C-alpha atoms as a PDB file:
ATOM      1  CA  MET A   1     200.825 -94.643 204.811  1.00  0.00           C
ATOM      2  CA  ILE A   2     199.288 -92.951 201.753  1.00  0.00           C
ATOM      3  CA  ILE A   3     199.274 -89.369 200.607  1.00  0.00           C
ATOM      4  CA  THR A   4     196.239 -88.177 198.312  1.00  0.00           C
ATOM      5  CA  ILE A   5     195.670 -84.661 196.377  1.00  0.00           C
ATOM      6  CA  ASP A   6     192.532 -83.808 195.166  1.00  0.00           C
ATOM      7  CA  THR A   7     192.443 -80.436 193.921  1.00  0.00           C
ATOM      8  CA  GLY A   8     189.963 -78.858 192.060  1.00  0.00           C
ATOM      9  CA  THR A   9     188.482 -75.751 190.436  1.00  0.00           C
ATOM     10  CA  THR A  10     188.836 -73.717 193.845  1.00  0.00           C
ATOM     11  CA  ASN A  11     189.490 -75.819 196.596  1.00  0.00           C
ATOM     12  CA  THR A  12     192.420 -78.432 197.896  1.00  0.00           C
ATOM     13  CA  ARG A  13     192.170 -81.476 200.109  1.00  0.00           C
ATOM     14  CA  VAL A  14     195.302 -83.210 201.289  1.00  0.00           C
ATOM     15  CA  ALA A  15     194.682 -86.529 202.896  1.00  0.00           C
ATOM     16  CA  LEU A  16     196.282 -88.961 204.957  1.00  0.00           C
ATOM     17  CA  PHE A  17     195.409 -92.499 204.595  1.00  0.00           C
ATOM     18  CA  LYS A  18     196.187 -95.640 206.349  1.00  0.00           C
ATOM     19  CA  GLY A  19     194.549 -98.409 203.707  1.00  0.00           C
ATOM     20  CA  LYS A  20     191.639 -96.736 202.720  1.00  0.00           C
ATOM     21  CA  GLN A  21     190.836 -95.349 206.480  1.00  0.00           C
ATOM     22  CA  ARG A  22     191.549 -91.591 206.306  1.00  0.00           C
ATOM     23  CA  VAL A  23     193.937 -90.574 209.075  1.00  0.00           C
ATOM     24  CA  ASP A  24     194.163 -86.849 208.635  1.00  0.00           C
ATOM     25  CA  GLN A  25     193.612 -84.353 205.640  1.00  0.00           C
ATOM     26  CA  VAL A  26     194.439 -80.854 205.383  1.00  0.00           C
ATOM     27  CA  LYS A  27     191.690 -78.447 203.412  1.00  0.00           C
ATOM     28  CA  ALA A  28     192.586 -74.906 201.914  1.00  0.00           C
ATOM     29  CA  ASN A  29     190.876 -72.770 199.579  1.00  0.00           C
ATOM     30  CA  VAL A  30     193.068 -73.016 196.557  1.00  0.00           C
ATOM     31  CA  GLY A  31     192.411 -74.113 193.303  1.00  0.00           C
ATOM     32  CA  VAL A  32     193.460 -74.100 189.988  1.00  0.00           C
ATOM     33  CA  ARG A  33     191.010 -70.621 189.700  1.00  0.00           C
ATOM     34  CA  ASN A  34     193.520 -69.718 191.547  1.00  0.00           C
ATOM     35  CA  THR A  35     196.587 -70.583 188.583  1.00  0.00           C
ATOM     36  CA  SER A  36     194.243 -68.686 186.078  1.00  0.00           C
ATOM     37  CA  ILE A  37     193.952 -65.612 188.139  1.00  0.00           C
ATOM     38  CA  ASP A  38     197.602 -65.347 189.173  1.00  0.00           C
ATOM     39  CA  GLY A  39     198.835 -66.453 186.161  1.00  0.00           C
ATOM     40  CA  ASN A  40     200.999 -69.054 187.606  1.00  0.00           C
ATOM     41  CA  ASN A  41     200.530 -71.879 190.319  1.00  0.00           C
ATOM     42  CA  GLN A  42     202.972 -70.518 192.477  1.00  0.00           C
ATOM     43  CA  LEU A  43     200.225 -70.441 195.120  1.00  0.00           C
ATOM     44  CA  LEU A  44     198.718 -73.765 194.907  1.00  0.00           C
ATOM     45  CA  ILE A  45     202.547 -75.505 194.841  1.00  0.00           C
ATOM     46  CA  THR A  46     202.834 -73.151 198.152  1.00  0.00           C
ATOM     47  CA  THR A  47     199.568 -74.693 199.636  1.00  0.00           C
ATOM     48  CA  ILE A  48     199.773 -78.206 198.655  1.00  0.00           C
ATOM     49  CA  ALA A  49     203.663 -78.248 200.346  1.00  0.00           C
ATOM     50  CA  GLU A  50     202.562 -77.001 203.525  1.00  0.00           C
ATOM     51  CA  ALA A  51     199.804 -79.575 204.012  1.00  0.00           C
ATOM     52  CA  VAL A  52     202.145 -82.172 203.377  1.00  0.00           C
ATOM     53  CA  VAL A  53     204.751 -80.932 205.839  1.00  0.00           C
ATOM     54  CA  GLU A  54     201.843 -80.403 208.212  1.00  0.00           C
ATOM     55  CA  LEU A  55     200.377 -83.884 207.543  1.00  0.00           C
ATOM     56  CA  LYS A  56     203.943 -85.106 207.642  1.00  0.00           C
ATOM     57  CA  SER A  57     204.726 -82.988 211.063  1.00  0.00           C
ATOM     58  CA  LYS A  58     202.154 -84.025 212.895  1.00  0.00           C
ATOM     59  CA  HIS A  59     202.338 -88.023 212.082  1.00  0.00           C
ATOM     60  CA  SER A  60     205.984 -87.879 212.574  1.00  0.00           C
ATOM     61  CA  LEU A  61     205.960 -89.512 209.273  1.00  0.00           C
ATOM     62  CA  GLN A  62     209.479 -89.616 207.354  1.00  0.00           C
ATOM     63  CA  ASP A  63     209.627 -89.850 203.349  1.00  0.00           C
ATOM     64  CA  SER A  64     210.442 -93.046 204.107  1.00  0.00           C
ATOM     65  CA  ASN A  65     207.128 -94.191 205.908  1.00  0.00           C
ATOM     66  CA  ILE A  66     204.929 -92.929 202.455  1.00  0.00           C
ATOM     67  CA  GLN A  67     204.134 -95.658 200.079  1.00  0.00           C
ATOM     68  CA  ALA A  68     202.784 -93.139 197.081  1.00  0.00           C
ATOM     69  CA  ILE A  69     201.617 -89.673 197.178  1.00  0.00           C
ATOM     70  CA  LEU A  70     198.286 -89.877 193.996  1.00  0.00           C
ATOM     71  CA  ALA A  71     196.765 -87.263 192.797  1.00  0.00           C
ATOM     72  CA  ALA A  72     193.661 -86.433 190.993  1.00  0.00           C
ATOM     73  CA  GLY A  73     191.177 -83.787 189.578  1.00  0.00           C
ATOM     74  CA  MET A  74     192.220 -80.426 188.080  1.00  0.00           C
ATOM     75  CA  ILE A  75     195.539 -80.743 189.356  1.00  0.00           C
ATOM     76  CA  THR A  76     196.258 -82.971 186.454  1.00  0.00           C
ATOM     77  CA  SER A  77     195.184 -79.780 183.972  1.00  0.00           C
ATOM     78  CA  ASN A  78     196.911 -77.403 182.696  1.00  0.00           C
ATOM     79  CA  LEU A  79     196.705 -74.931 185.617  1.00  0.00           C
ATOM     80  CA  GLY A  80     197.549 -77.632 188.382  1.00  0.00           C
ATOM     81  CA  LEU A  81     200.517 -79.196 188.822  1.00  0.00           C
ATOM     82  CA  HIS A  82     201.355 -81.080 186.384  1.00  0.00           C
ATOM     83  CA  GLU A  83     199.654 -81.421 182.779  1.00  0.00           C
ATOM     84  CA  VAL A  84     198.411 -84.602 181.845  1.00  0.00           C
ATOM     85  CA  PRO A  85     196.581 -85.364 178.406  1.00  0.00           C
ATOM     86  CA  HIS A  86     192.971 -86.533 179.048  1.00  0.00           C
ATOM     87  CA  LEU A  87     192.594 -90.601 177.875  1.00  0.00           C
ATOM     88  CA  VAL A  88     190.028 -90.985 175.014  1.00  0.00           C
ATOM     89  CA  ALA A  89     186.919 -93.374 175.887  1.00  0.00           C
ATOM     90  CA  PRO A  90     186.367 -96.613 176.620  1.00  0.00           C
ATOM     91  CA  VAL A  91     189.342 -96.293 179.289  1.00  0.00           C
ATOM     92  CA  SER A  92     189.891 -99.109 181.658  1.00  0.00           C
ATOM     93  CA  LEU A  93     191.068-100.250 184.720  1.00  0.00           C
ATOM     94  CA  GLU A  94     194.457-100.777 182.869  1.00  0.00           C
ATOM     95  CA  ASP A  95     194.774 -98.048 180.732  1.00  0.00           C
ATOM     96  CA  PHE A  96     194.716 -95.418 183.851  1.00  0.00           C
ATOM     97  CA  ALA A  97     197.340 -97.886 185.703  1.00  0.00           C
ATOM     98  CA  THR A  98     199.510 -97.229 182.325  1.00  0.00           C
ATOM     99  CA  ASN A  99     199.175 -94.051 181.752  1.00  0.00           C
ATOM    100  CA  ILE A 100     199.749 -92.637 185.357  1.00  0.00           C
ATOM    101  CA  LYS A 101     202.257 -89.646 185.299  1.00  0.00           C
ATOM    102  CA  SER A 102     205.000 -89.504 187.971  1.00  0.00           C
ATOM    103  CA  VAL A 103     206.903 -86.494 188.562  1.00  0.00           C
ATOM    104  CA  VAL A 104     208.752 -85.352 191.097  1.00  0.00           C
ATOM    105  CA  ILE A 105     208.102 -81.748 192.220  1.00  0.00           C
ATOM    106  CA  PRO A 106     210.859 -81.041 194.876  1.00  0.00           C
ATOM    107  CA  SER A 107     209.452 -77.861 196.322  1.00  0.00           C
ATOM    108  CA  ILE A 108     206.724 -80.581 197.797  1.00  0.00           C
ATOM    109  CA  SER A 109     208.721 -83.889 198.343  1.00  0.00           C
ATOM    110  CA  THR A 110     211.376 -85.723 196.911  1.00  0.00           C
ATOM    111  CA  LEU A 111     208.565 -88.383 196.206  1.00  0.00           C
ATOM    112  CA  PRO A 112     207.335 -88.614 193.427  1.00  0.00           C
ATOM    113  CA  ILE A 113     203.752 -87.333 193.018  1.00  0.00           C
ATOM    114  CA  HIS A 114     201.131 -89.607 190.886  1.00  0.00           C
ATOM    115  CA  PHE A 115     199.087 -88.230 188.950  1.00  0.00           C
ATOM    116  CA  VAL A 116     195.771 -89.812 187.415  1.00  0.00           C
ATOM    117  CA  PRO A 117     194.339 -88.705 184.117  1.00  0.00           C
ATOM    118  CA  GLY A 118     191.169 -87.451 182.942  1.00  0.00           C
ATOM    119  CA  VAL A 119     188.764 -88.556 180.303  1.00  0.00           C
ATOM    120  CA  LYS A 120     187.358 -87.462 177.227  1.00  0.00           C
ATOM    121  CA  ASN A 121     184.612 -89.240 175.440  1.00  0.00           C
ATOM    122  CA  LEU A 122     186.248 -87.876 171.653  1.00  0.00           C
ATOM    123  CA  ASP A 123     189.448 -87.743 169.918  1.00  0.00           C
ATOM    124  CA  THR A 124     189.552 -83.924 169.548  1.00  0.00           C
ATOM    125  CA  ASN A 125     192.310 -83.942 167.090  1.00  0.00           C
ATOM    126  CA  ASN A 126     190.547 -82.590 164.140  1.00  0.00           C
ATOM    127  CA  LEU A 127     187.378 -82.280 165.930  1.00  0.00           C
ATOM    128  CA  GLU A 128     184.366 -81.317 163.393  1.00  0.00           C
ATOM    129  CA  SER A 129     181.540 -80.785 165.947  1.00  0.00           C
ATOM    130  CA  VAL A 130     181.606 -81.179 169.966  1.00  0.00           C
ATOM    131  CA  VAL A 131     178.103 -83.122 169.733  1.00  0.00           C
ATOM    132  CA  GLY A 132     178.949 -86.382 171.585  1.00  0.00           C
ATOM    133  CA  LEU A 133     182.319 -84.660 173.021  1.00  0.00           C
ATOM    134  CA  ASP A 134     182.853 -83.784 177.141  1.00  0.00           C
ATOM    135  CA  ILE A 135     185.724 -84.341 179.340  1.00  0.00           C
ATOM    136  CA  MET A 136     186.429 -84.962 183.223  1.00  0.00           C
ATOM    137  CA  ARG A 137     189.392 -84.517 185.689  1.00  0.00           C
ATOM    138  CA  GLY A 138     188.509 -86.195 188.651  1.00  0.00           C
ATOM    139  CA  GLU A 139     185.016 -87.698 188.544  1.00  0.00           C
ATOM    140  CA  GLU A 140     186.665 -90.857 186.755  1.00  0.00           C
ATOM    141  CA  ALA A 141     188.625 -91.251 189.910  1.00  0.00           C
ATOM    142  CA  GLU A 142     185.302 -91.250 191.686  1.00  0.00           C
ATOM    143  CA  ALA A 143     183.385 -93.208 189.451  1.00  0.00           C
ATOM    144  CA  LEU A 144     185.713 -96.265 189.790  1.00  0.00           C
ATOM    145  CA  ALA A 145     185.627 -95.760 193.728  1.00  0.00           C
ATOM    146  CA  ILE A 146     181.638 -96.254 193.987  1.00  0.00           C
ATOM    147  CA  ALA A 147     182.642 -99.290 191.193  1.00  0.00           C
ATOM    148  CA  ASP A 148     184.898-100.279 193.469  1.00  0.00           C
ATOM    149  CA  LEU A 149     182.691-100.041 196.886  1.00  0.00           C
ATOM    150  CA  PHE A 150     179.802-101.532 195.270  1.00  0.00           C
ATOM    151  CA  ASP A 151     181.965-104.215 193.633  1.00  0.00           C
ATOM    152  CA  ILE A 152     179.753-103.148 190.087  1.00  0.00           C
ATOM    153  CA  LYS A 153     180.001-105.536 187.331  1.00  0.00           C
ATOM    154  CA  GLN A 154     177.506-104.789 184.743  1.00  0.00           C
ATOM    155  CA  ASP A 155     177.131-102.022 183.118  1.00  0.00           C
ATOM    156  CA  ALA A 156     176.253 -98.928 184.567  1.00  0.00           C
ATOM    157  CA  ILE A 157     175.578 -95.529 185.046  1.00  0.00           C
ATOM    158  CA  ILE A 158     177.356 -93.469 188.093  1.00  0.00           C
ATOM    159  CA  ALA A 159     175.971 -90.079 188.767  1.00  0.00           C
ATOM    160  CA  LEU A 160     178.237 -87.127 190.899  1.00  0.00           C
ATOM    161  CA  PRO A 161     175.169 -84.342 190.898  1.00  0.00           C
ATOM    162  CA  GLY A 162     176.821 -80.841 192.001  1.00  0.00           C
ATOM    163  CA  SER A 163     177.702 -78.082 190.720  1.00  0.00           C
ATOM    164  CA  HIS A 164     178.735 -79.226 187.827  1.00  0.00           C
ATOM    165  CA  SER A 165     177.076 -82.773 187.843  1.00  0.00           C
ATOM    166  CA  LYS A 166     178.486 -85.653 186.012  1.00  0.00           C
ATOM    167  CA  PHE A 167     176.749 -88.817 184.729  1.00  0.00           C
ATOM    168  CA  VAL A 168     179.482 -91.703 183.880  1.00  0.00           C
ATOM    169  CA  SER A 169     178.764 -94.781 182.116  1.00  0.00           C
ATOM    170  CA  ILE A 170     180.968 -97.876 182.606  1.00  0.00           C
ATOM    171  CA  ASP A 171     180.755-101.513 181.390  1.00  0.00           C
ATOM    172  CA  SER A 172     181.098-104.803 183.268  1.00  0.00           C
ATOM    173  CA  LYS A 173     184.319-104.916 183.586  1.00  0.00           C
ATOM    174  CA  GLN A 174     184.658-101.585 184.951  1.00  0.00           C
ATOM    175  CA  ALA A 175     185.660 -99.483 182.362  1.00  0.00           C
ATOM    176  CA  ILE A 176     184.388 -96.028 181.613  1.00  0.00           C
ATOM    177  CA  GLN A 177     182.770 -95.347 178.343  1.00  0.00           C
ATOM    178  CA  GLY A 178     181.731 -92.024 178.705  1.00  0.00           C
ATOM    179  CA  CYS A 179     180.410 -88.782 180.316  1.00  0.00           C
ATOM    180  CA  CYS A 180     178.546 -86.372 180.085  1.00  0.00           C
ATOM    181  CA  THR A 181     177.957 -82.938 182.240  1.00  0.00           C
ATOM    182  CA  THR A 182     175.082 -80.377 183.370  1.00  0.00           C
ATOM    183  CA  LEU A 183     175.397 -77.371 185.497  1.00  0.00           C
ATOM    184  CA  ALA A 184     172.896 -78.053 187.272  1.00  0.00           C
ATOM    185  CA  GLY A 185     173.931 -76.694 190.698  1.00  0.00           C
ATOM    186  CA  GLU A 186     175.083 -73.635 189.412  1.00  0.00           C
ATOM    187  CA  LEU A 187     171.873 -73.072 188.063  1.00  0.00           C
ATOM    188  CA  ASN A 188     169.826 -74.055 191.011  1.00  0.00           C
ATOM    189  CA  ALA A 189     172.239 -71.547 192.592  1.00  0.00           C
ATOM    190  CA  ILE A 190     172.316 -68.376 189.894  1.00  0.00           C
ATOM    191  CA  ILE A 191     168.419 -69.006 189.498  1.00  0.00           C
ATOM    192  CA  THR A 192     168.081 -68.458 193.256  1.00  0.00           C
ATOM    193  CA  SER A 193     170.082 -65.628 194.363  1.00  0.00           C
ATOM    194  CA  ASN A 194     170.264 -63.837 190.619  1.00  0.00           C
ATOM    195  CA  THR A 195     166.638 -63.621 189.215  1.00  0.00           C
ATOM    196  CA  ILE A 196     163.818 -62.347 189.744  1.00  0.00           C
ATOM    197  CA  LEU A 197     162.628 -65.457 191.462  1.00  0.00           C
ATOM    198  CA  THR A 198     165.094 -64.332 194.217  1.00  0.00           C
ATOM    199  CA  SER A 199     162.623 -62.592 196.342  1.00  0.00           C
ATOM    200  CA  SER A 200     159.885 -65.930 195.808  1.00  0.00           C
ATOM    201  CA  LEU A 201     162.927 -68.446 196.955  1.00  0.00           C
ATOM    202  CA  GLU A 202     163.848 -66.115 199.592  1.00  0.00           C
ATOM    203  CA  ASN A 203     167.642 -66.366 198.167  1.00  0.00           C
ATOM    204  CA  ARG A 204     168.518 -69.657 200.122  1.00  0.00           C
ATOM    205  CA  PHE A 205     168.029 -73.476 199.374  1.00  0.00           C
ATOM    206  CA  SER A 206     165.455 -75.511 201.114  1.00  0.00           C
ATOM    207  CA  ASP A 207     166.622 -78.190 203.832  1.00  0.00           C
ATOM    208  CA  SER A 208     164.254 -80.722 202.300  1.00  0.00           C
ATOM    209  CA  ILE A 209     162.683 -82.019 198.992  1.00  0.00           C
ATOM    210  CA  CYS A 210     159.156 -81.773 198.128  1.00  0.00           C
ATOM    211  CA  GLU A 211     158.488 -85.003 195.955  1.00  0.00           C
ATOM    212  CA  THR A 212     155.642 -83.868 194.808  1.00  0.00           C
ATOM    213  CA  ALA A 213     156.763 -80.392 193.999  1.00  0.00           C
ATOM    214  CA  LEU A 214     159.676 -81.507 192.494  1.00  0.00           C
ATOM    215  CA  LEU A 215     157.361 -83.883 189.926  1.00  0.00           C
ATOM    216  CA  GLU A 216     155.394 -80.555 189.353  1.00  0.00           C
ATOM    217  CA  GLY A 217     158.794 -79.058 188.340  1.00  0.00           C
ATOM    218  CA  TYR A 218     160.139 -81.842 185.986  1.00  0.00           C
ATOM    219  CA  GLN A 219     156.189 -81.998 184.366  1.00  0.00           C
ATOM    220  CA  ALA A 220     155.872 -78.122 183.604  1.00  0.00           C
ATOM    221  CA  ALA A 221     159.559 -78.084 181.692  1.00  0.00           C
ATOM    222  CA  GLU A 222     158.430 -81.100 180.102  1.00  0.00           C
ATOM    223  CA  ARG A 223     155.127 -79.417 178.934  1.00  0.00           C
ATOM    224  CA  PHE A 224     156.126 -75.661 178.735  1.00  0.00           C
ATOM    225  CA  GLY A 225     159.913 -75.536 178.240  1.00  0.00           C
ATOM    226  CA  ILE A 226     162.428 -74.330 181.047  1.00  0.00           C
ATOM    227  CA  GLY A 227     161.680 -70.382 180.618  1.00  0.00           C
ATOM    228  CA  HIS A 228     157.828 -70.623 181.154  1.00  0.00           C
ATOM    229  CA  ALA A 229     158.440 -73.562 184.151  1.00  0.00           C
ATOM    230  CA  LEU A 230     160.504 -70.817 186.089  1.00  0.00           C
ATOM    231  CA  PHE A 231     158.692 -68.413 185.451  1.00  0.00           C
ATOM    232  CA  GLN A 232     155.308 -70.379 187.456  1.00  0.00           C
ATOM    233  CA  ILE A 233     157.589 -70.447 190.572  1.00  0.00           C
ATOM    234  CA  ARG A 234     156.747 -66.751 191.601  1.00  0.00           C
ATOM    235  CA  LEU A 235     153.012 -67.143 190.186  1.00  0.00           C
ATOM    236  CA  GLN A 236     152.922 -70.021 192.498  1.00  0.00           C
ATOM    237  CA  GLU A 237     154.387 -68.141 195.152  1.00  0.00           C
ATOM    238  CA  GLN A 238     152.232 -64.801 194.302  1.00  0.00           C
ATOM    239  CA  PHE A 239     148.556 -66.471 193.716  1.00  0.00           C
ATOM    240  CA  GLU A 240     149.125 -70.129 195.271  1.00  0.00           C
ATOM    241  CA  GLY A 241     150.935 -69.329 198.234  1.00  0.00           C
ATOM    242  CA  LYS A 242     153.307 -72.117 197.955  1.00  0.00           C
ATOM    243  CA  SER A 243     155.813 -73.114 200.738  1.00  0.00           C
ATOM    244  CA  HIS A 244     159.739 -71.949 200.163  1.00  0.00           C
ATOM    245  CA  GLU A 245     159.947 -76.379 200.301  1.00  0.00           C
ATOM    246  CA  GLN A 246     157.580 -76.390 197.425  1.00  0.00           C
ATOM    247  CA  LEU A 247     158.857 -73.765 195.766  1.00  0.00           C
ATOM    248  CA  ALA A 248     163.151 -74.492 195.738  1.00  0.00           C
ATOM    249  CA  SER A 249     161.592 -78.112 195.062  1.00  0.00           C
ATOM    250  CA  PHE A 250     159.694 -77.510 191.833  1.00  0.00           C
ATOM    251  CA  LEU A 251     162.772 -74.691 190.810  1.00  0.00           C
ATOM    252  CA  ILE A 252     164.791 -78.241 191.164  1.00  0.00           C
ATOM    253  CA  GLY A 253     162.464 -80.179 189.376  1.00  0.00           C
ATOM    254  CA  VAL A 254     162.649 -77.299 186.255  1.00  0.00           C
ATOM    255  CA  ILE A 255     166.727 -78.060 186.131  1.00  0.00           C
ATOM    256  CA  LEU A 256     166.511 -81.413 186.625  1.00  0.00           C
ATOM    257  CA  HIS A 257     164.881 -81.742 183.479  1.00  0.00           C
ATOM    258  CA  SER A 258     167.758 -81.034 181.405  1.00  0.00           C
ATOM    259  CA  ASP A 259     169.731 -83.532 183.489  1.00  0.00           C
ATOM    260  CA  ILE A 260     167.753 -86.294 183.047  1.00  0.00           C
ATOM    261  CA  LYS A 261     167.355 -85.608 179.708  1.00  0.00           C
ATOM    262  CA  ALA A 262     171.003 -85.475 179.065  1.00  0.00           C
ATOM    263  CA  LEU A 263     171.047 -88.624 181.164  1.00  0.00           C
ATOM    264  CA  SER A 264     168.770 -90.614 178.607  1.00  0.00           C
ATOM    265  CA  SER A 265     169.485 -88.824 175.441  1.00  0.00           C
ATOM    266  CA  ALA A 266     173.149 -88.148 175.168  1.00  0.00           C
ATOM    267  CA  PRO A 267     174.531 -91.063 173.039  1.00  0.00           C
ATOM    268  CA  GLN A 268     177.845 -91.485 174.892  1.00  0.00           C
ATOM    269  CA  LEU A 269     176.193 -93.269 178.087  1.00  0.00           C
ATOM    270  CA  GLY A 270     173.984 -96.091 176.604  1.00  0.00           C
ATOM    271  CA  PHE A 271     171.152 -95.952 178.699  1.00  0.00           C
ATOM    272  CA  THR A 272     168.512 -98.281 178.375  1.00  0.00           C
ATOM    273  CA  SER A 273     166.085-100.120 179.980  1.00  0.00           C
ATOM    274  CA  GLY A 274     167.478-101.863 183.090  1.00  0.00           C
ATOM    275  CA  ILE A 275     170.856 -99.981 183.387  1.00  0.00           C
ATOM    276  CA  PRO A 276     171.537 -99.492 187.440  1.00  0.00           C
ATOM    277  CA  VAL A 277     172.043 -96.063 188.516  1.00  0.00           C
ATOM    278  CA  TYR A 278     174.699 -94.934 191.383  1.00  0.00           C
ATOM    279  CA  ILE A 279     173.987 -91.611 192.649  1.00  0.00           C
ATOM    280  CA  GLY A 280     177.339 -90.191 194.383  1.00  0.00           C
ATOM    281  CA  GLY A 281     176.741 -87.724 197.342  1.00  0.00           C
ATOM    282  CA  THR A 282     174.230 -86.128 200.091  1.00  0.00           C
ATOM    283  CA  GLY A 283     172.277 -82.970 199.249  1.00  0.00           C
ATOM    284  CA  LEU A 284     169.019 -81.894 197.726  1.00  0.00           C
ATOM    285  CA  LEU A 285     170.654 -82.581 194.144  1.00  0.00           C
ATOM    286  CA  CYS A 286     171.358 -85.711 194.803  1.00  0.00           C
ATOM    287  CA  GLU A 287     168.452 -86.699 196.558  1.00  0.00           C
ATOM    288  CA  ALA A 288     166.390 -84.486 193.712  1.00  0.00           C
ATOM    289  CA  THR A 289     167.961 -87.257 190.844  1.00  0.00           C
ATOM    290  CA  ALA A 290     167.517 -89.997 192.614  1.00  0.00           C
ATOM    291  CA  LEU A 291     163.290 -89.843 192.950  1.00  0.00           C
ATOM    292  CA  LEU A 292     163.424 -88.953 189.841  1.00  0.00           C
ATOM    293  CA  VAL A 293     165.198 -92.001 187.768  1.00  0.00           C
ATOM    294  CA  LYS A 294     163.248 -93.879 190.248  1.00  0.00           C
ATOM    295  CA  HIS A 295     159.947 -92.570 189.061  1.00  0.00           C
ATOM    296  CA  LEU A 296     160.222 -92.057 185.483  1.00  0.00           C
ATOM    297  CA  TYR A 297     162.147 -95.381 185.438  1.00  0.00           C
ATOM    298  CA  PRO A 298     161.122 -98.053 187.618  1.00  0.00           C
ATOM    299  CA  GLU A 299     162.881-100.954 185.708  1.00  0.00           C
ATOM    300  CA  ASN A 300     166.396 -98.754 186.698  1.00  0.00           C
ATOM    301  CA  PRO A 301     167.520 -99.709 190.310  1.00  0.00           C
ATOM    302  CA  VAL A 302     168.893 -96.747 192.125  1.00  0.00           C
ATOM    303  CA  TYR A 303     171.956 -97.029 194.561  1.00  0.00           C
ATOM    304  CA  GLN A 304     172.816 -94.160 197.116  1.00  0.00           C
ATOM    305  CA  CYS A 305     176.393 -93.677 197.979  1.00  0.00           C
ATOM    306  CA  ASN A 306     176.048 -91.321 200.465  1.00  0.00           C
ATOM    307  CA  ASP A 307     179.390 -91.132 201.632  1.00  0.00           C
ATOM    308  CA  THR A 308     181.335 -89.379 199.361  1.00  0.00           C
ATOM    309  CA  GLN A 309     183.898 -87.648 200.497  1.00  0.00           C
ATOM    310  CA  ASP A 310     187.170 -89.392 200.414  1.00  0.00           C
ATOM    311  CA  LEU A 311     185.763 -90.900 196.863  1.00  0.00           C
ATOM    312  CA  SER A 312     188.565 -89.131 194.816  1.00  0.00           C
ATOM    313  CA  ALA A 313     191.164 -90.883 197.186  1.00  0.00           C
ATOM    314  CA  ILE A 314     189.540 -94.155 197.075  1.00  0.00           C
ATOM    315  CA  GLY A 315     189.442 -94.240 193.456  1.00  0.00           C
ATOM    316  CA  SER A 316     193.406 -92.895 193.037  1.00  0.00           C
ATOM    317  CA  MET A 317     194.313 -95.642 195.320  1.00  0.00           C
ATOM    318  CA  TYR A 318     192.056 -98.053 192.991  1.00  0.00           C
ATOM    319  CA  ILE A 319     193.694 -96.991 190.448  1.00  0.00           C
ATOM    320  CA  ALA A 320     197.582 -96.782 191.855  1.00  0.00           C
ATOM    321  CA  LYS A 321     196.766-100.462 193.391  1.00  0.00           C
ATOM    322  CA  GLN A 322     195.774-101.688 189.439  1.00  0.00           C
ATOM    323  CA  ALA A 323     199.306 -99.898 188.312  1.00  0.00           C
ATOM    324  CA  ASN A 324     201.499-101.760 191.383  1.00  0.00           C
ATOM    325  CA  ILE A 325     202.307 -98.417 193.163  1.00  0.00           C
ATOM    326  CA  ILE A 326     200.734 -99.336 196.314  1.00  0.00           C
END
């Protein structure tokens, strides 16, 4: 049995796996945000320790029954359990395996916890400009999980839409070449709930995408820029009687214009004609990203990976196997 720990800004998941099959998991609304607020990581330590005890007790497991404990995400930051320096891209599977940090934290387990490092695009020592710089902790494991699940053997882009969307570039040997981050999900939430457009958008997301409105939003941002394109939502609601689905889809199109610009322009991604794009996740941002890439770049195949709940864990196991930990 394998235990995996995935900690983000606001949530932590501790899961029990038999092979790649999740047997059980414990979720908690505790993340590195709590460390930042409290000034220490004691709540995070306690939360993870209790989750490990719960899983072991529920399934009658001893330490001898646990093959490994793997951890990825913000848990490897200075606000997590153990800080692991970012690796500088390009980063191969072998690089990840070699740079796993194994640490015993007695208050959690007598077994070592194996921490998977994150990635940064550039060496930040004596950095003169952040152009081309980006960082990630956790998404590298998710990207490698998709590379493993789809058996990717060519240059590819892996898109992980969300609050902080990530585009990750990998090569034919599944080495990570770099990444690019946007605030797509956060922008969608803020504009929907905290602007003059909140009334027009009914302070809620749509349950579905109107492809026509999505493309119109993208085209409006391309033609007029984001500011005026956004205000068109209010005009459409007041003078054209557009539906909520149309207005919310138009908004996503406006926001994702910047994501598509980042995808096509970020030097660290190397996005060119014919390179496939794998989109991990479910929800409107994922669906909208897929629709826009298909429409704008018909020569680039698009694949969607909808079952993403365990990507961090599967990616961590993929790396741990390379390191002969499991």
